[in-house]
Full PDB file with SEQRES, HELIX, SHEET, SSBOND, CRYST1, ORIGX, SCALE, CONECT and MASTER records, all heavy atoms in Angstrom:
SEQRES   1 A   36  ARG THR PHE GLN ASN LEU ALA LEU PHE PRO SER LEU THR          
SEQRES   2 A   36  VAL LEU ASP ASN VAL LEU ILE GLY GLY HIS CYS ARG MET          
SEQRES   3 A   36  ARG GLY ASP PHE LEU SER GLU ALA LEU ARG                      
HELIX    1 AA1 VAL A   14  GLY A   21  1                                   8    
HELIX    2 AA2 HIS A   23  ARG A   25  5                                   3    
HELIX    3 AA3 PHE A   30  LEU A   35  1                                   6    
CRYST1    1.000    1.000    1.000  90.00  90.00  90.00 P 1           1          
ORIGX1      1.000000  0.000000  0.000000        0.00000                         
ORIGX2      0.000000  1.000000  0.000000        0.00000                         
ORIGX3      0.000000  0.000000  1.000000        0.00000                         
SCALE1      1.000000  0.000000  0.000000        0.00000                         
SCALE2      0.000000  1.000000  0.000000        0.00000                         
SCALE3      0.000000  0.000000  1.000000        0.00000                         
ATOM      1  N   ARG A   1      29.533 -93.107  92.064  1.00  0.00           N  
ATOM      2  CA  ARG A   1      30.896 -93.178  92.481  1.00  0.00           C  
ATOM      3  C   ARG A   1      31.541 -94.566  92.268  1.00  0.00           C  
ATOM      4  O   ARG A   1      30.774 -95.528  92.214  1.00  0.00           O  
ATOM      5  CB  ARG A   1      31.125 -92.746  93.945  1.00  0.00           C  
ATOM      6  CG  ARG A   1      30.622 -93.760  94.951  1.00  0.00           C  
ATOM      7  CD  ARG A   1      31.078 -93.424  96.355  1.00  0.00           C  
ATOM      8  NE  ARG A   1      32.485 -93.559  96.584  1.00  0.00           N  
ATOM      9  CZ  ARG A   1      33.089 -93.391  97.764  1.00  0.00           C  
ATOM     10  NH1 ARG A   1      32.388 -93.005  98.801  1.00  0.00           N  
ATOM     11  NH2 ARG A   1      34.405 -93.552  97.862  1.00  0.00           N  
ATOM     12  N   THR A   2      32.830 -94.572  92.110  1.00  0.00           N  
ATOM     13  CA  THR A   2      33.588 -95.784  92.175  1.00  0.00           C  
ATOM     14  C   THR A   2      34.333 -95.713  93.527  1.00  0.00           C  
ATOM     15  O   THR A   2      34.349 -94.757  94.202  1.00  0.00           O  
ATOM     16  CB  THR A   2      34.637 -95.868  91.041  1.00  0.00           C  
ATOM     17  OG1 THR A   2      35.583 -94.790  91.139  1.00  0.00           O  
ATOM     18  CG2 THR A   2      33.924 -95.831  89.691  1.00  0.00           C  
ATOM     19  N   PHE A   3      34.966 -96.900  93.852  1.00  0.00           N  
ATOM     20  CA  PHE A   3      35.629 -96.979  95.199  1.00  0.00           C  
ATOM     21  C   PHE A   3      37.055 -97.292  94.994  1.00  0.00           C  
ATOM     22  O   PHE A   3      37.471 -98.017  94.114  1.00  0.00           O  
ATOM     23  CB  PHE A   3      34.897 -98.075  96.027  1.00  0.00           C  
ATOM     24  CG  PHE A   3      33.535 -97.732  96.460  1.00  0.00           C  
ATOM     25  CD1 PHE A   3      32.468 -97.938  95.555  1.00  0.00           C  
ATOM     26  CD2 PHE A   3      33.275 -97.139  97.698  1.00  0.00           C  
ATOM     27  CE1 PHE A   3      31.174 -97.597  95.973  1.00  0.00           C  
ATOM     28  CE2 PHE A   3      32.076 -96.824  98.061  1.00  0.00           C  
ATOM     29  CZ  PHE A   3      30.976 -96.989  97.256  1.00  0.00           C  
ATOM     30  N   GLN A   4      37.884 -96.818  95.962  1.00  0.00           N  
ATOM     31  CA  GLN A   4      39.272 -97.092  95.990  1.00  0.00           C  
ATOM     32  C   GLN A   4      39.516 -98.573  96.079  1.00  0.00           C  
ATOM     33  O   GLN A   4      40.389 -99.155  95.354  1.00  0.00           O  
ATOM     34  CB  GLN A   4      39.961 -96.324  97.191  1.00  0.00           C  
ATOM     35  CG  GLN A   4      41.455 -96.570  97.333  1.00  0.00           C  
ATOM     36  CD  GLN A   4      41.995 -95.749  98.486  1.00  0.00           C  
ATOM     37  OE1 GLN A   4      41.269 -94.942  99.115  1.00  0.00           O  
ATOM     38  NE2 GLN A   4      43.228 -95.955  98.756  1.00  0.00           N  
ATOM     39  N   ASN A   5      38.804 -99.256  97.019  1.00  0.00           N  
ATOM     40  CA  ASN A   5      38.783-100.687  97.060  1.00  0.00           C  
ATOM     41  C   ASN A   5      37.625-101.226  96.367  1.00  0.00           C  
ATOM     42  O   ASN A   5      36.509-100.817  96.663  1.00  0.00           O  
ATOM     43  CB  ASN A   5      38.874-101.143  98.563  1.00  0.00           C  
ATOM     44  CG  ASN A   5      40.076-100.673  99.288  1.00  0.00           C  
ATOM     45  OD1 ASN A   5      41.212-100.790  98.810  1.00  0.00           O  
ATOM     46  ND2 ASN A   5      39.845-100.069 100.481  1.00  0.00           N  
ATOM     47  N   LEU A   6      37.835-102.017  95.356  1.00  0.00           N  
ATOM     48  CA  LEU A   6      36.711-102.428  94.513  1.00  0.00           C  
ATOM     49  C   LEU A   6      35.481-102.942  95.324  1.00  0.00           C  
ATOM     50  O   LEU A   6      35.716-103.711  96.274  1.00  0.00           O  
ATOM     51  CB  LEU A   6      37.232-103.580  93.528  1.00  0.00           C  
ATOM     52  CG  LEU A   6      38.212-103.082  92.506  1.00  0.00           C  
ATOM     53  CD1 LEU A   6      38.797-104.279  91.784  1.00  0.00           C  
ATOM     54  CD2 LEU A   6      37.610-102.115  91.529  1.00  0.00           C  
ATOM     55  N   ALA A   7      34.342-102.582  94.849  1.00  0.00           N  
ATOM     56  CA  ALA A   7      33.094-102.963  95.588  1.00  0.00           C  
ATOM     57  C   ALA A   7      32.182-103.801  94.656  1.00  0.00           C  
ATOM     58  O   ALA A   7      30.986-103.637  94.691  1.00  0.00           O  
ATOM     59  CB  ALA A   7      32.384-101.739  96.085  1.00  0.00           C  
ATOM     60  N   LEU A   8      32.821-104.662  93.839  1.00  0.00           N  
ATOM     61  CA  LEU A   8      32.037-105.534  92.955  1.00  0.00           C  
ATOM     62  C   LEU A   8      31.533-106.718  93.655  1.00  0.00           C  
ATOM     63  O   LEU A   8      32.004-107.065  94.808  1.00  0.00           O  
ATOM     64  CB  LEU A   8      32.926-105.957  91.754  1.00  0.00           C  
ATOM     65  CG  LEU A   8      33.480-104.829  90.888  1.00  0.00           C  
ATOM     66  CD1 LEU A   8      34.422-105.422  89.886  1.00  0.00           C  
ATOM     67  CD2 LEU A   8      32.329-104.065  90.209  1.00  0.00           C  
ATOM     68  N   PHE A   9      30.637-107.457  93.041  1.00  0.00           N  
ATOM     69  CA  PHE A   9      30.140-108.778  93.519  1.00  0.00           C  
ATOM     70  C   PHE A   9      30.966-109.816  92.742  1.00  0.00           C  
ATOM     71  O   PHE A   9      30.535-110.106  91.543  1.00  0.00           O  
ATOM     72  CB  PHE A   9      28.621-108.895  93.333  1.00  0.00           C  
ATOM     73  CG  PHE A   9      27.850-107.943  94.078  1.00  0.00           C  
ATOM     74  CD1 PHE A   9      27.473-106.707  93.515  1.00  0.00           C  
ATOM     75  CD2 PHE A   9      27.507-108.142  95.442  1.00  0.00           C  
ATOM     76  CE1 PHE A   9      26.666-105.812  94.225  1.00  0.00           C  
ATOM     77  CE2 PHE A   9      26.805-107.224  96.167  1.00  0.00           C  
ATOM     78  CZ  PHE A   9      26.370-106.090  95.536  1.00  0.00           C  
ATOM     79  N   PRO A  10      32.005-110.401  93.294  1.00  0.00           N  
ATOM     80  CA  PRO A  10      32.878-111.233  92.479  1.00  0.00           C  
ATOM     81  C   PRO A  10      32.272-112.455  91.874  1.00  0.00           C  
ATOM     82  O   PRO A  10      32.708-112.947  90.847  1.00  0.00           O  
ATOM     83  CB  PRO A  10      34.050-111.509  93.448  1.00  0.00           C  
ATOM     84  CG  PRO A  10      33.479-111.315  94.787  1.00  0.00           C  
ATOM     85  CD  PRO A  10      32.462-110.191  94.655  1.00  0.00           C  
ATOM     86  N   SER A  11      31.268-113.010  92.595  1.00  0.00           N  
ATOM     87  CA  SER A  11      30.711-114.248  92.068  1.00  0.00           C  
ATOM     88  C   SER A  11      29.625-114.018  90.957  1.00  0.00           C  
ATOM     89  O   SER A  11      29.269-114.949  90.238  1.00  0.00           O  
ATOM     90  CB  SER A  11      30.089-115.075  93.224  1.00  0.00           C  
ATOM     91  OG  SER A  11      29.020-114.346  93.803  1.00  0.00           O  
ATOM     92  N   LEU A  12      29.161-112.789  90.853  1.00  0.00           N  
ATOM     93  CA  LEU A  12      28.191-112.449  89.771  1.00  0.00           C  
ATOM     94  C   LEU A  12      28.923-112.160  88.510  1.00  0.00           C  
ATOM     95  O   LEU A  12      30.074-111.774  88.517  1.00  0.00           O  
ATOM     96  CB  LEU A  12      27.332-111.254  90.199  1.00  0.00           C  
ATOM     97  CG  LEU A  12      26.435-111.456  91.428  1.00  0.00           C  
ATOM     98  CD1 LEU A  12      25.620-110.173  91.653  1.00  0.00           C  
ATOM     99  CD2 LEU A  12      25.555-112.642  91.260  1.00  0.00           C  
ATOM    100  N   THR A  13      28.205-112.298  87.386  1.00  0.00           N  
ATOM    101  CA  THR A  13      28.850-111.993  86.113  1.00  0.00           C  
ATOM    102  C   THR A  13      29.071-110.497  85.980  1.00  0.00           C  
ATOM    103  O   THR A  13      28.495-109.657  86.691  1.00  0.00           O  
ATOM    104  CB  THR A  13      27.905-112.445  84.932  1.00  0.00           C  
ATOM    105  OG1 THR A  13      26.764-111.614  84.941  1.00  0.00           O  
ATOM    106  CG2 THR A  13      27.578-113.881  85.031  1.00  0.00           C  
ATOM    107  N   VAL A  14      29.923-110.137  85.039  1.00  0.00           N  
ATOM    108  CA  VAL A  14      30.238-108.757  84.765  1.00  0.00           C  
ATOM    109  C   VAL A  14      28.927-108.011  84.376  1.00  0.00           C  
ATOM    110  O   VAL A  14      28.679-106.917  84.857  1.00  0.00           O  
ATOM    111  CB  VAL A  14      31.265-108.711  83.618  1.00  0.00           C  
ATOM    112  CG1 VAL A  14      31.304-107.237  83.013  1.00  0.00           C  
ATOM    113  CG2 VAL A  14      32.635-109.115  84.123  1.00  0.00           C  
ATOM    114  N   LEU A  15      28.147-108.667  83.524  1.00  0.00           N  
ATOM    115  CA  LEU A  15      26.834-108.051  83.156  1.00  0.00           C  
ATOM    116  C   LEU A  15      25.938-107.799  84.340  1.00  0.00           C  
ATOM    117  O   LEU A  15      25.328-106.700  84.440  1.00  0.00           O  
ATOM    118  CB  LEU A  15      26.101-108.951  82.116  1.00  0.00           C  
ATOM    119  CG  LEU A  15      24.770-108.459  81.602  1.00  0.00           C  
ATOM    120  CD1 LEU A  15      24.861-107.078  80.967  1.00  0.00           C  
ATOM    121  CD2 LEU A  15      24.128-109.439  80.715  1.00  0.00           C  
ATOM    122  N   ASP A  16      25.830-108.763  85.235  1.00  0.00           N  
ATOM    123  CA  ASP A  16      24.920-108.557  86.404  1.00  0.00           C  
ATOM    124  C   ASP A  16      25.433-107.466  87.325  1.00  0.00           C  
ATOM    125  O   ASP A  16      24.626-106.714  87.880  1.00  0.00           O  
ATOM    126  CB  ASP A  16      24.850-109.884  87.173  1.00  0.00           C  
ATOM    127  CG  ASP A  16      23.939-110.917  86.497  1.00  0.00           C  
ATOM    128  OD1 ASP A  16      23.104-110.521  85.656  1.00  0.00           O  
ATOM    129  OD2 ASP A  16      24.050-112.138  86.798  1.00  0.00           O  
ATOM    130  N   ASN A  17      26.762-107.352  87.406  1.00  0.00           N  
ATOM    131  CA  ASN A  17      27.276-106.239  88.263  1.00  0.00           C  
ATOM    132  C   ASN A  17      26.883-104.892  87.660  1.00  0.00           C  
ATOM    133  O   ASN A  17      26.521-103.974  88.376  1.00  0.00           O  
ATOM    134  CB  ASN A  17      28.817-106.334  88.297  1.00  0.00           C  
ATOM    135  CG  ASN A  17      29.331-107.181  89.462  1.00  0.00           C  
ATOM    136  OD1 ASN A  17      29.439-106.643  90.562  1.00  0.00           O  
ATOM    137  ND2 ASN A  17      29.580-108.401  89.230  1.00  0.00           N  
ATOM    138  N   VAL A  18      26.915-104.756  86.331  1.00  0.00           N  
ATOM    139  CA  VAL A  18      26.501-103.485  85.735  1.00  0.00           C  
ATOM    140  C   VAL A  18      24.999-103.268  85.838  1.00  0.00           C  
ATOM    141  O   VAL A  18      24.544-102.177  86.069  1.00  0.00           O  
ATOM    142  CB  VAL A  18      26.949-103.482  84.253  1.00  0.00           C  
ATOM    143  CG1 VAL A  18      26.470-102.172  83.542  1.00  0.00           C  
ATOM    144  CG2 VAL A  18      28.494-103.576  84.173  1.00  0.00           C  
ATOM    145  N   LEU A  19      24.234-104.322  85.670  1.00  0.00           N  
ATOM    146  CA  LEU A  19      22.800-104.203  85.836  1.00  0.00           C  
ATOM    147  C   LEU A  19      22.416-103.755  87.231  1.00  0.00           C  
ATOM    148  O   LEU A  19      21.484-102.960  87.398  1.00  0.00           O  
ATOM    149  CB  LEU A  19      22.120-105.576  85.545  1.00  0.00           C  
ATOM    150  CG  LEU A  19      22.050-105.975  84.078  1.00  0.00           C  
ATOM    151  CD1 LEU A  19      21.621-107.426  83.919  1.00  0.00           C  
ATOM    152  CD2 LEU A  19      21.103-105.081  83.292  1.00  0.00           C  
ATOM    153  N   ILE A  20      23.153-104.202  88.220  1.00  0.00           N  
ATOM    154  CA  ILE A  20      22.816-103.739  89.602  1.00  0.00           C  
ATOM    155  C   ILE A  20      23.056-102.237  89.705  1.00  0.00           C  
ATOM    156  O   ILE A  20      22.286-101.567  90.420  1.00  0.00           O  
ATOM    157  CB  ILE A  20      23.748-104.541  90.593  1.00  0.00           C  
ATOM    158  CG1 ILE A  20      23.307-105.974  90.751  1.00  0.00           C  
ATOM    159  CG2 ILE A  20      23.812-103.842  91.962  1.00  0.00           C  
ATOM    160  CD1 ILE A  20      24.247-106.843  91.468  1.00  0.00           C  
ATOM    161  N   GLY A  21      24.060-101.721  89.018  1.00  0.00           N  
ATOM    162  CA  GLY A  21      24.363-100.258  89.031  1.00  0.00           C  
ATOM    163  C   GLY A  21      23.172 -99.474  88.508  1.00  0.00           C  
ATOM    164  O   GLY A  21      22.910 -98.330  89.014  1.00  0.00           O  
ATOM    165  N   GLY A  22      22.406 -99.963  87.527  1.00  0.00           N  
ATOM    166  CA  GLY A  22      21.268 -99.264  87.033  1.00  0.00           C  
ATOM    167  C   GLY A  22      19.946 -99.557  87.657  1.00  0.00           C  
ATOM    168  O   GLY A  22      18.933 -99.014  87.267  1.00  0.00           O  
ATOM    169  N   HIS A  23      20.015-100.337  88.775  1.00  0.00           N  
ATOM    170  CA  HIS A  23      18.742-100.744  89.372  1.00  0.00           C  
ATOM    171  C   HIS A  23      17.886 -99.587  89.808  1.00  0.00           C  
ATOM    172  O   HIS A  23      16.630 -99.632  89.718  1.00  0.00           O  
ATOM    173  CB  HIS A  23      19.025-101.744  90.541  1.00  0.00           C  
ATOM    174  CG  HIS A  23      17.768-102.284  91.153  1.00  0.00           C  
ATOM    175  ND1 HIS A  23      16.950-103.143  90.581  1.00  0.00           N  
ATOM    176  CD2 HIS A  23      17.191-101.929  92.387  1.00  0.00           C  
ATOM    177  CE1 HIS A  23      15.937-103.446  91.369  1.00  0.00           C  
ATOM    178  NE2 HIS A  23      16.069-102.709  92.497  1.00  0.00           N  
ATOM    179  N   CYS A  24      18.492 -98.534  90.385  1.00  0.00           N  
ATOM    180  CA  CYS A  24      17.644 -97.463  90.935  1.00  0.00           C  
ATOM    181  C   CYS A  24      16.982 -96.670  89.855  1.00  0.00           C  
ATOM    182  O   CYS A  24      16.079 -95.852  90.116  1.00  0.00           O  
ATOM    183  CB  CYS A  24      18.475 -96.563  91.868  1.00  0.00           C  
ATOM    184  SG  CYS A  24      19.569 -95.446  90.950  1.00  0.00           S  
ATOM    185  N   ARG A  25      17.374 -96.870  88.614  1.00  0.00           N  
ATOM    186  CA  ARG A  25      16.694 -96.198  87.476  1.00  0.00           C  
ATOM    187  C   ARG A  25      15.501 -96.997  86.994  1.00  0.00           C  
ATOM    188  O   ARG A  25      14.724 -96.527  86.141  1.00  0.00           O  
ATOM    189  CB  ARG A  25      17.695 -96.003  86.313  1.00  0.00           C  
ATOM    190  CG  ARG A  25      18.752 -94.993  86.607  1.00  0.00           C  
ATOM    191  CD  ARG A  25      18.211 -93.640  86.877  1.00  0.00           C  
ATOM    192  NE  ARG A  25      19.219 -92.640  87.023  1.00  0.00           N  
ATOM    193  CZ  ARG A  25      18.995 -91.464  87.642  1.00  0.00           C  
ATOM    194  NH1 ARG A  25      17.803 -91.173  88.104  1.00  0.00           N  
ATOM    195  NH2 ARG A  25      20.001 -90.581  87.756  1.00  0.00           N  
ATOM    196  N   MET A  26      15.357 -98.240  87.484  1.00  0.00           N  
ATOM    197  CA  MET A  26      14.176 -99.081  87.092  1.00  0.00           C  
ATOM    198  C   MET A  26      12.995 -98.608  87.870  1.00  0.00           C  
ATOM    199  O   MET A  26      13.057 -98.339  89.047  1.00  0.00           O  
ATOM    200  CB  MET A  26      14.486-100.535  87.429  1.00  0.00           C  
ATOM    201  CG  MET A  26      15.702-101.159  86.672  1.00  0.00           C  
ATOM    202  SD  MET A  26      15.330-101.520  84.954  1.00  0.00           S  
ATOM    203  CE  MET A  26      14.331-102.951  85.147  1.00  0.00           C  
ATOM    204  N   ARG A  27      11.880 -98.570  87.151  1.00  0.00           N  
ATOM    205  CA  ARG A  27      10.648 -98.190  87.809  1.00  0.00           C  
ATOM    206  C   ARG A  27       9.696 -99.389  87.926  1.00  0.00           C  
ATOM    207  O   ARG A  27       9.306 -99.998  86.909  1.00  0.00           O  
ATOM    208  CB  ARG A  27       9.877 -97.100  86.997  1.00  0.00           C  
ATOM    209  CG  ARG A  27      10.662 -95.765  86.943  1.00  0.00           C  
ATOM    210  CD  ARG A  27      10.702 -95.110  88.290  1.00  0.00           C  
ATOM    211  NE  ARG A  27      11.455 -93.874  88.230  1.00  0.00           N  
ATOM    212  CZ  ARG A  27      12.722 -93.737  88.595  1.00  0.00           C  
ATOM    213  NH1 ARG A  27      13.362 -94.815  89.009  1.00  0.00           N  
ATOM    214  NH2 ARG A  27      13.327 -92.575  88.563  1.00  0.00           N  
ATOM    215  N   GLY A  28       9.552 -99.872  89.117  1.00  0.00           N  
ATOM    216  CA  GLY A  28       8.720-101.086  89.276  1.00  0.00           C  
ATOM    217  C   GLY A  28       8.166-101.194  90.696  1.00  0.00           C  
ATOM    218  O   GLY A  28       8.455-100.384  91.565  1.00  0.00           O  
ATOM    219  N   ASP A  29       7.412-102.203  90.888  1.00  0.00           N  
ATOM    220  CA  ASP A  29       6.895-102.502  92.230  1.00  0.00           C  
ATOM    221  C   ASP A  29       6.687-104.049  92.389  1.00  0.00           C  
ATOM    222  O   ASP A  29       6.837-104.776  91.386  1.00  0.00           O  
ATOM    223  CB  ASP A  29       5.494-101.832  92.479  1.00  0.00           C  
ATOM    224  CG  ASP A  29       4.472-102.203  91.398  1.00  0.00           C  
ATOM    225  OD1 ASP A  29       3.896-103.339  91.495  1.00  0.00           O  
ATOM    226  OD2 ASP A  29       4.252-101.385  90.482  1.00  0.00           O  
ATOM    227  N   PHE A  30       6.506-104.513  93.601  1.00  0.00           N  
ATOM    228  CA  PHE A  30       6.487-105.935  93.854  1.00  0.00           C  
ATOM    229  C   PHE A  30       5.447-106.662  93.052  1.00  0.00           C  
ATOM    230  O   PHE A  30       5.696-107.718  92.445  1.00  0.00           O  
ATOM    231  CB  PHE A  30       6.332-106.180  95.350  1.00  0.00           C  
ATOM    232  CG  PHE A  30       6.167-107.634  95.695  1.00  0.00           C  
ATOM    233  CD1 PHE A  30       7.292-108.474  95.740  1.00  0.00           C  
ATOM    234  CD2 PHE A  30       4.879-108.203  95.911  1.00  0.00           C  
ATOM    235  CE1 PHE A  30       7.192-109.787  96.038  1.00  0.00           C  
ATOM    236  CE2 PHE A  30       4.830-109.564  96.221  1.00  0.00           C  
ATOM    237  CZ  PHE A  30       5.938-110.396  96.276  1.00  0.00           C  
ATOM    238  N   LEU A  31       4.250-106.089  93.034  1.00  0.00           N  
ATOM    239  CA  LEU A  31       3.136-106.738  92.338  1.00  0.00           C  
ATOM    240  C   LEU A  31       3.356-106.851  90.875  1.00  0.00           C  
ATOM    241  O   LEU A  31       3.135-107.920  90.243  1.00  0.00           O  
ATOM    242  CB  LEU A  31       1.819-106.010  92.645  1.00  0.00           C  
ATOM    243  CG  LEU A  31       0.518-106.618  92.031  1.00  0.00           C  
ATOM    244  CD1 LEU A  31       0.351-108.040  92.588  1.00  0.00           C  
ATOM    245  CD2 LEU A  31      -0.659-105.751  92.348  1.00  0.00           C  
ATOM    246  N   SER A  32       3.797-105.766  90.201  1.00  0.00           N  
ATOM    247  CA  SER A  32       4.103-105.777  88.794  1.00  0.00           C  
ATOM    248  C   SER A  32       5.124-106.771  88.415  1.00  0.00           C  
ATOM    249  O   SER A  32       4.966-107.553  87.423  1.00  0.00           O  
ATOM    250  CB  SER A  32       4.499-104.433  88.308  1.00  0.00           C  
ATOM    251  OG  SER A  32       3.519-103.450  88.548  1.00  0.00           O  
ATOM    252  N   GLU A  33       6.163-106.871  89.222  1.00  0.00           N  
ATOM    253  CA  GLU A  33       7.271-107.867  88.939  1.00  0.00           C  
ATOM    254  C   GLU A  33       6.846-109.248  89.203  1.00  0.00           C  
ATOM    255  O   GLU A  33       7.190-110.187  88.455  1.00  0.00           O  
ATOM    256  CB  GLU A  33       8.498-107.469  89.708  1.00  0.00           C  
ATOM    257  CG  GLU A  33       9.094-106.112  89.242  1.00  0.00           C  
ATOM    258  CD  GLU A  33      10.364-105.785  89.995  1.00  0.00           C  
ATOM    259  OE1 GLU A  33      10.933-106.668  90.725  1.00  0.00           O  
ATOM    260  OE2 GLU A  33      10.868-104.638  89.806  1.00  0.00           O  
ATOM    261  N   ALA A  34       6.011-109.451  90.247  1.00  0.00           N  
ATOM    262  CA  ALA A  34       5.533-110.785  90.575  1.00  0.00           C  
ATOM    263  C   ALA A  34       4.605-111.315  89.446  1.00  0.00           C  
ATOM    264  O   ALA A  34       4.658-112.552  89.123  1.00  0.00           O  
ATOM    265  CB  ALA A  34       4.775-110.798  91.886  1.00  0.00           C  
ATOM    266  N   LEU A  35       3.806-110.447  88.864  1.00  0.00           N  
ATOM    267  CA  LEU A  35       2.919-110.811  87.793  1.00  0.00           C  
ATOM    268  C   LEU A  35       3.560-110.860  86.400  1.00  0.00           C  
ATOM    269  O   LEU A  35       2.911-111.191  85.434  1.00  0.00           O  
ATOM    270  CB  LEU A  35       1.693-109.825  87.759  1.00  0.00           C  
ATOM    271  CG  LEU A  35       0.744-109.960  88.989  1.00  0.00           C  
ATOM    272  CD1 LEU A  35      -0.277-108.851  88.926  1.00  0.00           C  
ATOM    273  CD2 LEU A  35       0.184-111.293  89.174  1.00  0.00           C  
ATOM    274  N   ARG A  36       4.777-110.349  86.396  1.00  0.00           N  
ATOM    275  CA  ARG A  36       5.542-110.294  85.116  1.00  0.00           C  
ATOM    276  C   ARG A  36       4.751-109.544  84.092  1.00  0.00           C  
ATOM    277  O   ARG A  36       4.595-110.002  82.912  1.00  0.00           O  
ATOM    278  CB  ARG A  36       5.980-111.649  84.601  1.00  0.00           C  
ATOM    279  CG  ARG A  36       6.866-112.445  85.568  1.00  0.00           C  
ATOM    280  CD  ARG A  36       8.155-111.747  85.823  1.00  0.00           C  
ATOM    281  NE  ARG A  36       8.947-111.549  84.607  1.00  0.00           N  
ATOM    282  CZ  ARG A  36      10.027-110.772  84.471  1.00  0.00           C  
ATOM    283  NH1 ARG A  36      10.418-110.110  85.599  1.00  0.00           N  
ATOM    284  NH2 ARG A  36      10.691-110.683  83.380  1.00  0.00           N  
TER     285      ARG A  36                                                      
MASTER        0    0    0    3    0    0    0    6  284    1    0    3          
END                                                                             
């Protein structure tokens, strides 16, 4: 959904705002990300 009153993160870049939107489609875990 989108919101009537914008719910963006104003200090983050436009790209980072969009990346946040797709975060729940990422498959990962703490250990894998910590070990890169």
